[in-house]
Amino acid sequence: MSRINPTPAERQFDEGRLMQVLVAPIISEKATMVAEKSNAVVFKVLRNATKPEIKAAVELLFKVDVKAVSVLNVKGKTKRFGRTMGRRAHVRKAYVLLKEGQALNLSGEAA
């Protein structure tokens, strides 16, 4: 029997939704330093994605064990383009900590 608002433990994630949760990996100087220091990977995720969804998506897509997920919302900057004012998009980042001995290959090379 399904309830209107199931608890996170009861909720089964839709595989189609999990395929859309991760938008792109973030490859930057800071993300590379975090990856080397604490075995974490940084992803750009959907604005309404939850931590359990992000964890399930990474485990499903990359076949790795996730230790923890930290999320942060970055507000878009207001920028000028000549006379007009523009705005960068808001972004939600997920720092995904992998368990010991786990690695994620984002370079596209076959392992």
PDB file of N, CA and C in Angstrom:
ATOM      1  N   MET A   1       0.845  -1.177   0.000  1.00  0.00           N
ATOM      2  CA  MET A   1       0.000   0.000   0.000  1.00  0.00           C
ATOM      3  C   MET A   1       0.888   1.236   0.000  1.00  0.00           C
ATOM      4  N   SER A   2       0.658   2.173  -0.907  1.00  0.00           N
ATOM      5  CA  SER A   2       1.493   3.358  -0.969  1.00  0.00           C
ATOM      6  C   SER A   2       0.832   4.519  -0.244  1.00  0.00           C
ATOM      7  N   ARG A   3       1.628   5.240   0.510  1.00  0.00           N
ATOM      8  CA  ARG A   3       1.137   6.405   1.225  1.00  0.00           C
ATOM      9  C   ARG A   3       1.338   7.641   0.358  1.00  0.00           C
ATOM     10  N   ILE A   4       0.691   8.728   0.734  1.00  0.00           N
ATOM     11  CA  ILE A   4       0.824   9.964  -0.030  1.00  0.00           C
ATOM     12  C   ILE A   4       2.239  10.516   0.119  1.00  0.00           C
ATOM     13  N   ASN A   5       2.753  10.572   1.331  1.00  0.00           N
ATOM     14  CA  ASN A   5       4.109  11.065   1.585  1.00  0.00           C
ATOM     15  C   ASN A   5       4.933   9.975   2.255  1.00  0.00           C
ATOM     16  N   PRO A   6       5.553   9.085   1.487  1.00  0.00           N
ATOM     17  CA  PRO A   6       6.349   8.036   2.116  1.00  0.00           C
ATOM     18  C   PRO A   6       7.624   8.609   2.727  1.00  0.00           C
ATOM     19  N   THR A   7       8.121   7.935   3.744  1.00  0.00           N
ATOM     20  CA  THR A   7       9.384   8.350   4.346  1.00  0.00           C
ATOM     21  C   THR A   7      10.515   8.003   3.388  1.00  0.00           C
ATOM     22  N   PRO A   8      11.693   8.638   3.532  1.00  0.00           N
ATOM     23  CA  PRO A   8      12.802   8.326   2.619  1.00  0.00           C
ATOM     24  C   PRO A   8      13.188   6.853   2.612  1.00  0.00           C
ATOM     25  N   ALA A   9      13.028   6.162   3.764  1.00  0.00           N
ATOM     26  CA  ALA A   9      13.373   4.741   3.808  1.00  0.00           C
ATOM     27  C   ALA A   9      12.405   3.917   2.969  1.00  0.00           C
ATOM     28  N   GLU A  10      11.151   4.348   2.903  1.00  0.00           N
ATOM     29  CA  GLU A  10      10.143   3.612   2.147  1.00  0.00           C
ATOM     30  C   GLU A  10      10.168   3.939   0.655  1.00  0.00           C
ATOM     31  N   ARG A  11      10.698   5.110   0.316  1.00  0.00           N
ATOM     32  CA  ARG A  11      10.639   5.581  -1.054  1.00  0.00           C
ATOM     33  C   ARG A  11      11.602   4.804  -1.954  1.00  0.00           C
ATOM     34  N   GLN A  12      11.075   4.293  -3.046  1.00  0.00           N
ATOM     35  CA  GLN A  12      11.919   3.678  -4.065  1.00  0.00           C
ATOM     36  C   GLN A  12      12.093   4.708  -5.163  1.00  0.00           C
ATOM     37  N   PHE A  13      13.323   4.914  -5.587  1.00  0.00           N
ATOM     38  CA  PHE A  13      13.590   5.941  -6.577  1.00  0.00           C
ATOM     39  C   PHE A  13      13.292   5.419  -7.971  1.00  0.00           C
ATOM     40  N   ASP A  14      12.669   6.248  -8.773  1.00  0.00           N
ATOM     41  CA  ASP A  14      12.379   5.935 -10.160  1.00  0.00           C
ATOM     42  C   ASP A  14      13.687   5.993 -10.947  1.00  0.00           C
ATOM     43  N   GLU A  15      13.984   4.929 -11.694  1.00  0.00           N
ATOM     44  CA  GLU A  15      15.264   4.856 -12.403  1.00  0.00           C
ATOM     45  C   GLU A  15      15.384   5.955 -13.459  1.00  0.00           C
ATOM     46  N   GLY A  16      14.282   6.324 -14.086  1.00  0.00           N
ATOM     47  CA  GLY A  16      14.305   7.414 -15.061  1.00  0.00           C
ATOM     48  C   GLY A  16      14.680   8.736 -14.418  1.00  0.00           C
ATOM     49  N   ARG A  17      14.179   8.973 -13.209  1.00  0.00           N
ATOM     50  CA  ARG A  17      14.520  10.204 -12.472  1.00  0.00           C
ATOM     51  C   ARG A  17      15.990  10.190 -12.076  1.00  0.00           C
ATOM     52  N   LEU A  18      16.501   9.028 -11.642  1.00  0.00           N
ATOM     53  CA  LEU A  18      17.898   8.939 -11.226  1.00  0.00           C
ATOM     54  C   LEU A  18      18.845   9.230 -12.387  1.00  0.00           C
ATOM     55  N   MET A  19      18.432   8.878 -13.598  1.00  0.00           N
ATOM     56  CA  MET A  19      19.274   9.142 -14.766  1.00  0.00           C
ATOM     57  C   MET A  19      19.377  10.642 -15.054  1.00  0.00           C
ATOM     58  N   GLN A  20      18.418  11.425 -14.565  1.00  0.00           N
ATOM     59  CA  GLN A  20      18.407  12.860 -14.826  1.00  0.00           C
ATOM     60  C   GLN A  20      18.964  13.688 -13.675  1.00  0.00           C
ATOM     61  N   VAL A  21      19.133  13.090 -12.501  1.00  0.00           N
ATOM     62  CA  VAL A  21      19.559  13.839 -11.316  1.00  0.00           C
ATOM     63  C   VAL A  21      20.945  14.449 -11.498  1.00  0.00           C
ATOM     64  N   LEU A  22      21.899  13.677 -12.011  1.00  0.00           N
ATOM     65  CA  LEU A  22      23.249  14.188 -12.230  1.00  0.00           C
ATOM     66  C   LEU A  22      23.285  14.907 -13.570  1.00  0.00           C
ATOM     67  N   VAL A  23      23.553  16.215 -13.542  1.00  0.00           N
ATOM     68  CA  VAL A  23      23.577  17.002 -14.774  1.00  0.00           C
ATOM     69  C   VAL A  23      24.952  16.899 -15.428  1.00  0.00           C
ATOM     70  N   ALA A  24      26.019  17.152 -14.658  1.00  0.00           N
ATOM     71  CA  ALA A  24      27.371  17.112 -15.219  1.00  0.00           C
ATOM     72  C   ALA A  24      28.387  17.059 -14.093  1.00  0.00           C
ATOM     73  N   PRO A  25      29.562  16.458 -14.347  1.00  0.00           N
ATOM     74  CA  PRO A  25      30.636  16.556 -13.353  1.00  0.00           C
ATOM     75  C   PRO A  25      31.254  17.947 -13.414  1.00  0.00           C
ATOM     76  N   ILE A  26      31.724  18.431 -12.286  1.00  0.00           N
ATOM     77  CA  ILE A  26      32.379  19.732 -12.252  1.00  0.00           C
ATOM     78  C   ILE A  26      33.876  19.483 -12.194  1.00  0.00           C
ATOM     79  N   ILE A  27      34.573  19.899 -13.245  1.00  0.00           N
ATOM     80  CA  ILE A  27      36.018  19.735 -13.325  1.00  0.00           C
ATOM     81  C   ILE A  27      36.637  21.122 -13.183  1.00  0.00           C
ATOM     82  N   SER A  28      37.122  21.426 -11.991  1.00  0.00           N
ATOM     83  CA  SER A  28      37.755  22.711 -11.733  1.00  0.00           C
ATOM     84  C   SER A  28      38.967  22.465 -10.840  1.00  0.00           C
ATOM     85  N   GLU A  29      39.715  23.509 -10.603  1.00  0.00           N
ATOM     86  CA  GLU A  29      40.895  23.377  -9.752  1.00  0.00           C
ATOM     87  C   GLU A  29      40.497  22.960  -8.336  1.00  0.00           C
ATOM     88  N   LYS A  30      39.445  23.578  -7.807  1.00  0.00           N
ATOM     89  CA  LYS A  30      38.980  23.243  -6.463  1.00  0.00           C
ATOM     90  C   LYS A  30      38.453  21.809  -6.403  1.00  0.00           C
ATOM     91  N   ALA A  31      37.681  21.394  -7.410  1.00  0.00           N
ATOM     92  CA  ALA A  31      37.134  20.037  -7.435  1.00  0.00           C
ATOM     93  C   ALA A  31      38.246  18.995  -7.522  1.00  0.00           C
ATOM     94  N   THR A  32      39.298  19.289  -8.272  1.00  0.00           N
ATOM     95  CA  THR A  32      40.427  18.371  -8.390  1.00  0.00           C
ATOM     96  C   THR A  32      41.168  18.254  -7.064  1.00  0.00           C
ATOM     97  N   MET A  33      41.348  19.378  -6.365  1.00  0.00           N
ATOM     98  CA  MET A  33      42.019  19.340  -5.058  1.00  0.00           C
ATOM     99  C   MET A  33      41.207  18.536  -4.055  1.00  0.00           C
ATOM    100  N   VAL A  34      39.883  18.699  -4.061  1.00  0.00           N
ATOM    101  CA  VAL A  34      39.010  17.950  -3.157  1.00  0.00           C
ATOM    102  C   VAL A  34      39.076  16.459  -3.477  1.00  0.00           C
ATOM    103  N   ALA A  35      39.115  16.132  -4.771  1.00  0.00           N
ATOM    104  CA  ALA A  35      39.173  14.728  -5.185  1.00  0.00           C
ATOM    105  C   ALA A  35      40.452  14.065  -4.702  1.00  0.00           C
ATOM    106  N   GLU A  36      41.581  14.751  -4.807  1.00  0.00           N
ATOM    107  CA  GLU A  36      42.855  14.186  -4.375  1.00  0.00           C
ATOM    108  C   GLU A  36      42.936  14.082  -2.855  1.00  0.00           C
ATOM    109  N   LYS A  37      42.390  15.075  -2.160  1.00  0.00           N
ATOM    110  CA  LYS A  37      42.528  15.139  -0.708  1.00  0.00           C
ATOM    111  C   LYS A  37      41.580  14.178   0.019  1.00  0.00           C
ATOM    112  N   SER A  38      40.307  14.116  -0.408  1.00  0.00           N
ATOM    113  CA  SER A  38      39.328  13.376   0.383  1.00  0.00           C
ATOM    114  C   SER A  38      38.519  12.352  -0.396  1.00  0.00           C
ATOM    115  N   ASN A  39      38.978  11.962  -1.572  1.00  0.00           N
ATOM    116  CA  ASN A  39      38.307  10.938  -2.383  1.00  0.00           C
ATOM    117  C   ASN A  39      36.842  11.315  -2.635  1.00  0.00           C
ATOM    118  N   ALA A  40      36.627  12.568  -3.071  1.00  0.00           N
ATOM    119  CA  ALA A  40      35.281  13.061  -3.346  1.00  0.00           C
ATOM    120  C   ALA A  40      35.195  13.514  -4.803  1.00  0.00           C
ATOM    121  N   VAL A  41      33.980  13.462  -5.341  1.00  0.00           N
ATOM    122  CA  VAL A  41      33.736  13.904  -6.706  1.00  0.00           C
ATOM    123  C   VAL A  41      32.638  14.963  -6.648  1.00  0.00           C
ATOM    124  N   VAL A  42      32.754  16.001  -7.491  1.00  0.00           N
ATOM    125  CA  VAL A  42      31.794  17.092  -7.478  1.00  0.00           C
ATOM    126  C   VAL A  42      30.922  17.010  -8.723  1.00  0.00           C
ATOM    127  N   PHE A  43      29.596  17.087  -8.525  1.00  0.00           N
ATOM    128  CA  PHE A  43      28.642  17.037  -9.631  1.00  0.00           C
ATOM    129  C   PHE A  43      27.730  18.243  -9.586  1.00  0.00           C
ATOM    130  N   LYS A  44      27.312  18.693 -10.765  1.00  0.00           N
ATOM    131  CA  LYS A  44      26.221  19.652 -10.875  1.00  0.00           C
ATOM    132  C   LYS A  44      24.956  18.807 -10.939  1.00  0.00           C
ATOM    133  N   VAL A  45      23.976  19.089 -10.065  1.00  0.00           N
ATOM    134  CA  VAL A  45      22.773  18.269  -9.986  1.00  0.00           C
ATOM    135  C   VAL A  45      21.530  19.138 -10.173  1.00  0.00           C
ATOM    136  N   LEU A  46      20.381  18.485 -10.325  1.00  0.00           N
ATOM    137  CA  LEU A  46      19.126  19.215 -10.452  1.00  0.00           C
ATOM    138  C   LEU A  46      18.865  20.037  -9.204  1.00  0.00           C
ATOM    139  N   ARG A  47      18.168  21.155  -9.352  1.00  0.00           N
ATOM    140  CA  ARG A  47      17.917  22.058  -8.224  1.00  0.00           C
ATOM    141  C   ARG A  47      17.053  21.416  -7.149  1.00  0.00           C
ATOM    142  N   ASN A  48      16.203  20.447  -7.517  1.00  0.00           N
ATOM    143  CA  ASN A  48      15.309  19.828  -6.527  1.00  0.00           C
ATOM    144  C   ASN A  48      15.755  18.426  -6.138  1.00  0.00           C
ATOM    145  N   ALA A  49      17.005  18.062  -6.429  1.00  0.00           N
ATOM    146  CA  ALA A  49      17.512  16.733  -6.083  1.00  0.00           C
ATOM    147  C   ALA A  49      17.825  16.660  -4.589  1.00  0.00           C
ATOM    148  N   THR A  50      17.526  15.505  -3.987  1.00  0.00           N
ATOM    149  CA  THR A  50      17.805  15.300  -2.567  1.00  0.00           C
ATOM    150  C   THR A  50      19.084  14.480  -2.406  1.00  0.00           C
ATOM    151  N   LYS A  51      19.627  14.483  -1.197  1.00  0.00           N
ATOM    152  CA  LYS A  51      20.846  13.715  -0.935  1.00  0.00           C
ATOM    153  C   LYS A  51      20.666  12.216  -1.203  1.00  0.00           C
ATOM    154  N   PRO A  52      19.570  11.597  -0.728  1.00  0.00           N
ATOM    155  CA  PRO A  52      19.390  10.166  -1.026  1.00  0.00           C
ATOM    156  C   PRO A  52      19.280   9.885  -2.526  1.00  0.00           C
ATOM    157  N   GLU A  53      18.634  10.778  -3.275  1.00  0.00           N
ATOM    158  CA  GLU A  53      18.537  10.605  -4.727  1.00  0.00           C
ATOM    159  C   GLU A  53      19.901  10.684  -5.381  1.00  0.00           C
ATOM    160  N   ILE A  54      20.714  11.640  -4.955  1.00  0.00           N
ATOM    161  CA  ILE A  54      22.056  11.813  -5.527  1.00  0.00           C
ATOM    162  C   ILE A  54      22.905  10.580  -5.237  1.00  0.00           C
ATOM    163  N   LYS A  55      22.834  10.084  -4.001  1.00  0.00           N
ATOM    164  CA  LYS A  55      23.590   8.884  -3.623  1.00  0.00           C
ATOM    165  C   LYS A  55      23.169   7.694  -4.474  1.00  0.00           C
ATOM    166  N   ALA A  56      21.861   7.493  -4.625  1.00  0.00           N
ATOM    167  CA  ALA A  56      21.354   6.369  -5.419  1.00  0.00           C
ATOM    168  C   ALA A  56      21.751   6.511  -6.883  1.00  0.00           C
ATOM    169  N   ALA A  57      21.739   7.733  -7.413  1.00  0.00           N
ATOM    170  CA  ALA A  57      22.090   7.958  -8.815  1.00  0.00           C
ATOM    171  C   ALA A  57      23.558   7.648  -9.082  1.00  0.00           C
ATOM    172  N   VAL A  58      24.447   8.089  -8.191  1.00  0.00           N
ATOM    173  CA  VAL A  58      25.878   7.825  -8.374  1.00  0.00           C
ATOM    174  C   VAL A  58      26.157   6.328  -8.267  1.00  0.00           C
ATOM    175  N   GLU A  59      25.527   5.666  -7.296  1.00  0.00           N
ATOM    176  CA  GLU A  59      25.737   4.223  -7.141  1.00  0.00           C
ATOM    177  C   GLU A  59      25.196   3.451  -8.336  1.00  0.00           C
ATOM    178  N   LEU A  60      24.089   3.900  -8.915  1.00  0.00           N
ATOM    179  CA  LEU A  60      23.497   3.228 -10.066  1.00  0.00           C
ATOM    180  C   LEU A  60      24.336   3.436 -11.330  1.00  0.00           C
ATOM    181  N   LEU A  61      24.738   4.679 -11.584  1.00  0.00           N
ATOM    182  CA  LEU A  61      25.418   4.995 -12.841  1.00  0.00           C
ATOM    183  C   LEU A  61      26.880   4.558 -12.867  1.00  0.00           C
ATOM    184  N   PHE A  62      27.581   4.679 -11.739  1.00  0.00           N
ATOM    185  CA  PHE A  62      29.019   4.425 -11.729  1.00  0.00           C
ATOM    186  C   PHE A  62      29.413   3.151 -11.004  1.00  0.00           C
ATOM    187  N   LYS A  63      28.467   2.433 -10.388  1.00  0.00           N
ATOM    188  CA  LYS A  63      28.730   1.168  -9.692  1.00  0.00           C
ATOM    189  C   LYS A  63      29.816   1.315  -8.625  1.00  0.00           C
ATOM    190  N   VAL A  64      29.686   2.351  -7.775  1.00  0.00           N
ATOM    191  CA  VAL A  64      30.619   2.580  -6.678  1.00  0.00           C
ATOM    192  C   VAL A  64      29.816   2.695  -5.381  1.00  0.00           C
ATOM    193  N   ASP A  65      30.511   2.582  -4.233  1.00  0.00           N
ATOM    194  CA  ASP A  65      29.870   2.746  -2.934  1.00  0.00           C
ATOM    195  C   ASP A  65      30.086   4.176  -2.453  1.00  0.00           C
ATOM    196  N   VAL A  66      28.999   4.841  -2.075  1.00  0.00           N
ATOM    197  CA  VAL A  66      29.053   6.227  -1.626  1.00  0.00           C
ATOM    198  C   VAL A  66      29.019   6.269  -0.110  1.00  0.00           C
ATOM    199  N   LYS A  67      29.945   7.032   0.469  1.00  0.00           N
ATOM    200  CA  LYS A  67      30.017   7.175   1.922  1.00  0.00           C
ATOM    201  C   LYS A  67      29.079   8.283   2.406  1.00  0.00           C
ATOM    202  N   ALA A  68      29.126   9.444   1.742  1.00  0.00           N
ATOM    203  CA  ALA A  68      28.299  10.581   2.162  1.00  0.00           C
ATOM    204  C   ALA A  68      28.108  11.543   0.993  1.00  0.00           C
ATOM    205  N   VAL A  69      27.087  12.376   1.121  1.00  0.00           N
ATOM    206  CA  VAL A  69      26.802  13.400   0.108  1.00  0.00           C
ATOM    207  C   VAL A  69      26.600  14.729   0.816  1.00  0.00           C
ATOM    208  N   SER A  70      27.307  15.768   0.359  1.00  0.00           N
ATOM    209  CA  SER A  70      27.097  17.129   0.841  1.00  0.00           C
ATOM    210  C   SER A  70      26.602  17.957  -0.334  1.00  0.00           C
ATOM    211  N   VAL A  71      25.652  18.838  -0.063  1.00  0.00           N
ATOM    212  CA  VAL A  71      25.069  19.617  -1.147  1.00  0.00           C
ATOM    213  C   VAL A  71      25.175  21.100  -0.823  1.00  0.00           C
ATOM    214  N   LEU A  72      25.359  21.923  -1.867  1.00  0.00           N
ATOM    215  CA  LEU A  72      25.344  23.356  -1.654  1.00  0.00           C
ATOM    216  C   LEU A  72      24.711  24.047  -2.841  1.00  0.00           C
ATOM    217  N   ASN A  73      23.975  25.119  -2.551  1.00  0.00           N
ATOM    218  CA  ASN A  73      23.318  25.904  -3.589  1.00  0.00           C
ATOM    219  C   ASN A  73      24.139  27.153  -3.854  1.00  0.00           C
ATOM    220  N   VAL A  74      24.469  27.393  -5.122  1.00  0.00           N
ATOM    221  CA  VAL A  74      25.237  28.565  -5.516  1.00  0.00           C
ATOM    222  C   VAL A  74      24.292  29.495  -6.260  1.00  0.00           C
ATOM    223  N   LYS A  75      24.139  30.711  -5.759  1.00  0.00           N
ATOM    224  CA  LYS A  75      23.272  31.677  -6.428  1.00  0.00           C
ATOM    225  C   LYS A  75      23.968  32.220  -7.664  1.00  0.00           C
ATOM    226  N   GLY A  76      23.216  32.437  -8.725  1.00  0.00           N
ATOM    227  CA  GLY A  76      23.768  32.952  -9.969  1.00  0.00           C
ATOM    228  C   GLY A  76      24.186  34.401  -9.831  1.00  0.00           C
ATOM    229  N   LYS A  77      25.321  34.739 -10.421  1.00  0.00           N
ATOM    230  CA  LYS A  77      25.814  36.109 -10.361  1.00  0.00           C
ATOM    231  C   LYS A  77      25.065  36.992 -11.351  1.00  0.00           C
ATOM    232  N   THR A  78      24.911  38.251 -10.978  1.00  0.00           N
ATOM    233  CA  THR A  78      24.385  39.231 -11.914  1.00  0.00           C
ATOM    234  C   THR A  78      25.567  39.804 -12.689  1.00  0.00           C
ATOM    235  N   LYS A  79      25.490  39.748 -14.015  1.00  0.00           N
ATOM    236  CA  LYS A  79      26.591  40.199 -14.866  1.00  0.00           C
ATOM    237  C   LYS A  79      26.077  41.232 -15.860  1.00  0.00           C
ATOM    238  N   ARG A  80      26.978  42.093 -16.319  1.00  0.00           N
ATOM    239  CA  ARG A  80      26.622  43.080 -17.334  1.00  0.00           C
ATOM    240  C   ARG A  80      27.079  42.606 -18.699  1.00  0.00           C
ATOM    241  N   PHE A  81      26.234  42.819 -19.685  1.00  0.00           N
ATOM    242  CA  PHE A  81      26.588  42.562 -21.066  1.00  0.00           C
ATOM    243  C   PHE A  81      26.354  43.864 -21.807  1.00  0.00           C
ATOM    244  N   GLY A  82      27.378  44.717 -21.856  1.00  0.00           N
ATOM    245  CA  GLY A  82      27.209  46.039 -22.439  1.00  0.00           C
ATOM    246  C   GLY A  82      26.274  46.853 -21.563  1.00  0.00           C
ATOM    247  N   ARG A  83      25.170  47.304 -22.149  1.00  0.00           N
ATOM    248  CA  ARG A  83      24.208  48.089 -21.389  1.00  0.00           C
ATOM    249  C   ARG A  83      23.223  47.234 -20.605  1.00  0.00           C
ATOM    250  N   THR A  84      23.022  46.009 -21.049  1.00  0.00           N
ATOM    251  CA  THR A  84      21.990  45.179 -20.431  1.00  0.00           C
ATOM    252  C   THR A  84      22.547  44.373 -19.260  1.00  0.00           C
ATOM    253  N   MET A  85      21.679  44.125 -18.307  1.00  0.00           N
ATOM    254  CA  MET A  85      22.050  43.302 -17.165  1.00  0.00           C
ATOM    255  C   MET A  85      21.593  41.871 -17.431  1.00  0.00           C
ATOM    256  N   GLY A  86      22.435  40.927 -17.104  1.00  0.00           N
ATOM    257  CA  GLY A  86      22.093  39.525 -17.275  1.00  0.00           C
ATOM    258  C   GLY A  86      22.309  38.787 -15.974  1.00  0.00           C
ATOM    259  N   ARG A  87      21.973  37.507 -15.946  1.00  0.00           N
ATOM    260  CA  ARG A  87      22.130  36.722 -14.728  1.00  0.00           C
ATOM    261  C   ARG A  87      22.551  35.319 -15.096  1.00  0.00           C
ATOM    262  N   ARG A  88      23.563  34.815 -14.406  1.00  0.00           N
ATOM    263  CA  ARG A  88      23.942  33.413 -14.566  1.00  0.00           C
ATOM    264  C   ARG A  88      22.920  32.548 -13.843  1.00  0.00           C
ATOM    265  N   ALA A  89      22.829  31.312 -14.258  1.00  0.00           N
ATOM    266  CA  ALA A  89      21.851  30.404 -13.664  1.00  0.00           C
ATOM    267  C   ALA A  89      22.277  29.998 -12.246  1.00  0.00           C
ATOM    268  N   HIS A  90      21.285  29.729 -11.388  1.00  0.00           N
ATOM    269  CA  HIS A  90      21.555  29.159 -10.072  1.00  0.00           C
ATOM    270  C   HIS A  90      22.014  27.712 -10.275  1.00  0.00           C
ATOM    271  N   VAL A  91      22.933  27.252  -9.415  1.00  0.00           N
ATOM    272  CA  VAL A  91      23.485  25.905  -9.557  1.00  0.00           C
ATOM    273  C   VAL A  91      23.435  25.200  -8.209  1.00  0.00           C
ATOM    274  N   ARG A  92      23.149  23.911  -8.227  1.00  0.00           N
ATOM    275  CA  ARG A  92      23.217  23.076  -7.023  1.00  0.00           C
ATOM    276  C   ARG A  92      24.360  22.098  -7.228  1.00  0.00           C
ATOM    277  N   LYS A  93      25.340  22.117  -6.317  1.00  0.00           N
ATOM    278  CA  LYS A  93      26.499  21.232  -6.401  1.00  0.00           C
ATOM    279  C   LYS A  93      26.375  20.123  -5.363  1.00  0.00           C
ATOM    280  N   ALA A  94      26.873  18.953  -5.723  1.00  0.00           N
ATOM    281  CA  ALA A  94      26.886  17.830  -4.789  1.00  0.00           C
ATOM    282  C   ALA A  94      28.315  17.322  -4.664  1.00  0.00           C
ATOM    283  N   TYR A  95      28.826  17.302  -3.446  1.00  0.00           N
ATOM    284  CA  TYR A  95      30.131  16.708  -3.160  1.00  0.00           C
ATOM    285  C   TYR A  95      29.865  15.281  -2.694  1.00  0.00           C
ATOM    286  N   VAL A  96      30.277  14.309  -3.497  1.00  0.00           N
ATOM    287  CA  VAL A  96      29.996  12.900  -3.217  1.00  0.00           C
ATOM    288  C   VAL A  96      31.276  12.244  -2.707  1.00  0.00           C
ATOM    289  N   LEU A  97      31.286  11.857  -1.419  1.00  0.00           N
ATOM    290  CA  LEU A  97      32.440  11.178  -0.830  1.00  0.00           C
ATOM    291  C   LEU A  97      32.317   9.690  -1.088  1.00  0.00           C
ATOM    292  N   LEU A  98      33.373   9.106  -1.655  1.00  0.00           N
ATOM    293  CA  LEU A  98      33.370   7.676  -1.946  1.00  0.00           C
ATOM    294  C   LEU A  98      34.045   6.919  -0.815  1.00  0.00           C
ATOM    295  N   LYS A  99      33.651   5.669  -0.629  1.00  0.00           N
ATOM    296  CA  LYS A  99      34.265   4.836   0.408  1.00  0.00           C
ATOM    297  C   LYS A  99      35.697   4.510   0.021  1.00  0.00           C
ATOM    298  N   GLU A 100      36.469   4.067   1.007  1.00  0.00           N
ATOM    299  CA  GLU A 100      37.876   3.731   0.791  1.00  0.00           C
ATOM    300  C   GLU A 100      38.027   2.674  -0.304  1.00  0.00           C
ATOM    301  N   GLY A 101      38.990   2.862  -1.177  1.00  0.00           N
ATOM    302  CA  GLY A 101      39.250   1.895  -2.233  1.00  0.00           C
ATOM    303  C   GLY A 101      38.376   2.083  -3.463  1.00  0.00           C
ATOM    304  N   GLN A 102      37.407   2.999  -3.414  1.00  0.00           N
ATOM    305  CA  GLN A 102      36.537   3.260  -4.560  1.00  0.00           C
ATOM    306  C   GLN A 102      37.123   4.396  -5.390  1.00  0.00           C
ATOM    307  N   ALA A 103      36.948   4.316  -6.691  1.00  0.00           N
ATOM    308  CA  ALA A 103      37.425   5.372  -7.582  1.00  0.00           C
ATOM    309  C   ALA A 103      36.403   5.587  -8.683  1.00  0.00           C
ATOM    310  N   LEU A 104      36.354   6.821  -9.184  1.00  0.00           N
ATOM    311  CA  LEU A 104      35.408   7.177 -10.241  1.00  0.00           C
ATOM    312  C   LEU A 104      36.212   7.685 -11.434  1.00  0.00           C
ATOM    313  N   ASN A 105      35.993   7.082 -12.596  1.00  0.00           N
ATOM    314  CA  ASN A 105      36.734   7.461 -13.795  1.00  0.00           C
ATOM    315  C   ASN A 105      35.852   8.372 -14.645  1.00  0.00           C
ATOM    316  N   LEU A 106      36.133   9.680 -14.630  1.00  0.00           N
ATOM    317  CA  LEU A 106      35.348  10.633 -15.402  1.00  0.00           C
ATOM    318  C   LEU A 106      36.020  10.998 -16.720  1.00  0.00           C
ATOM    319  N   SER A 107      37.215  10.477 -16.979  1.00  0.00           N
ATOM    320  CA  SER A 107      37.953  10.871 -18.180  1.00  0.00           C
ATOM    321  C   SER A 107      37.408  10.217 -19.448  1.00  0.00           C
ATOM    322  N   GLY A 108      36.554   9.210 -19.314  1.00  0.00           N
ATOM    323  CA  GLY A 108      35.971   8.569 -20.476  1.00  0.00           C
ATOM    324  C   GLY A 108      36.782   7.401 -21.007  1.00  0.00           C
ATOM    325  N   GLU A 109      37.918   7.125 -20.403  1.00  0.00           N
ATOM    326  CA  GLU A 109      38.766   6.006 -20.838  1.00  0.00           C
ATOM    327  C   GLU A 109      38.208   4.704 -20.271  1.00  0.00           C
ATOM    328  N   ALA A 110      38.344   3.642 -21.015  1.00  0.00           N
ATOM    329  CA  ALA A 110      37.915   2.322 -20.525  1.00  0.00           C
ATOM    330  C   ALA A 110      38.880   1.848 -19.447  1.00  0.00           C
ATOM    331  N   ALA A 111      38.332   1.334 -18.360  1.00  0.00           N
ATOM    332  CA  ALA A 111      39.192   0.898 -17.248  1.00  0.00           C
ATOM    333  C   ALA A 111      39.738  -0.490 -17.488  1.00  0.00           C
TER     334      ALA A 111
END
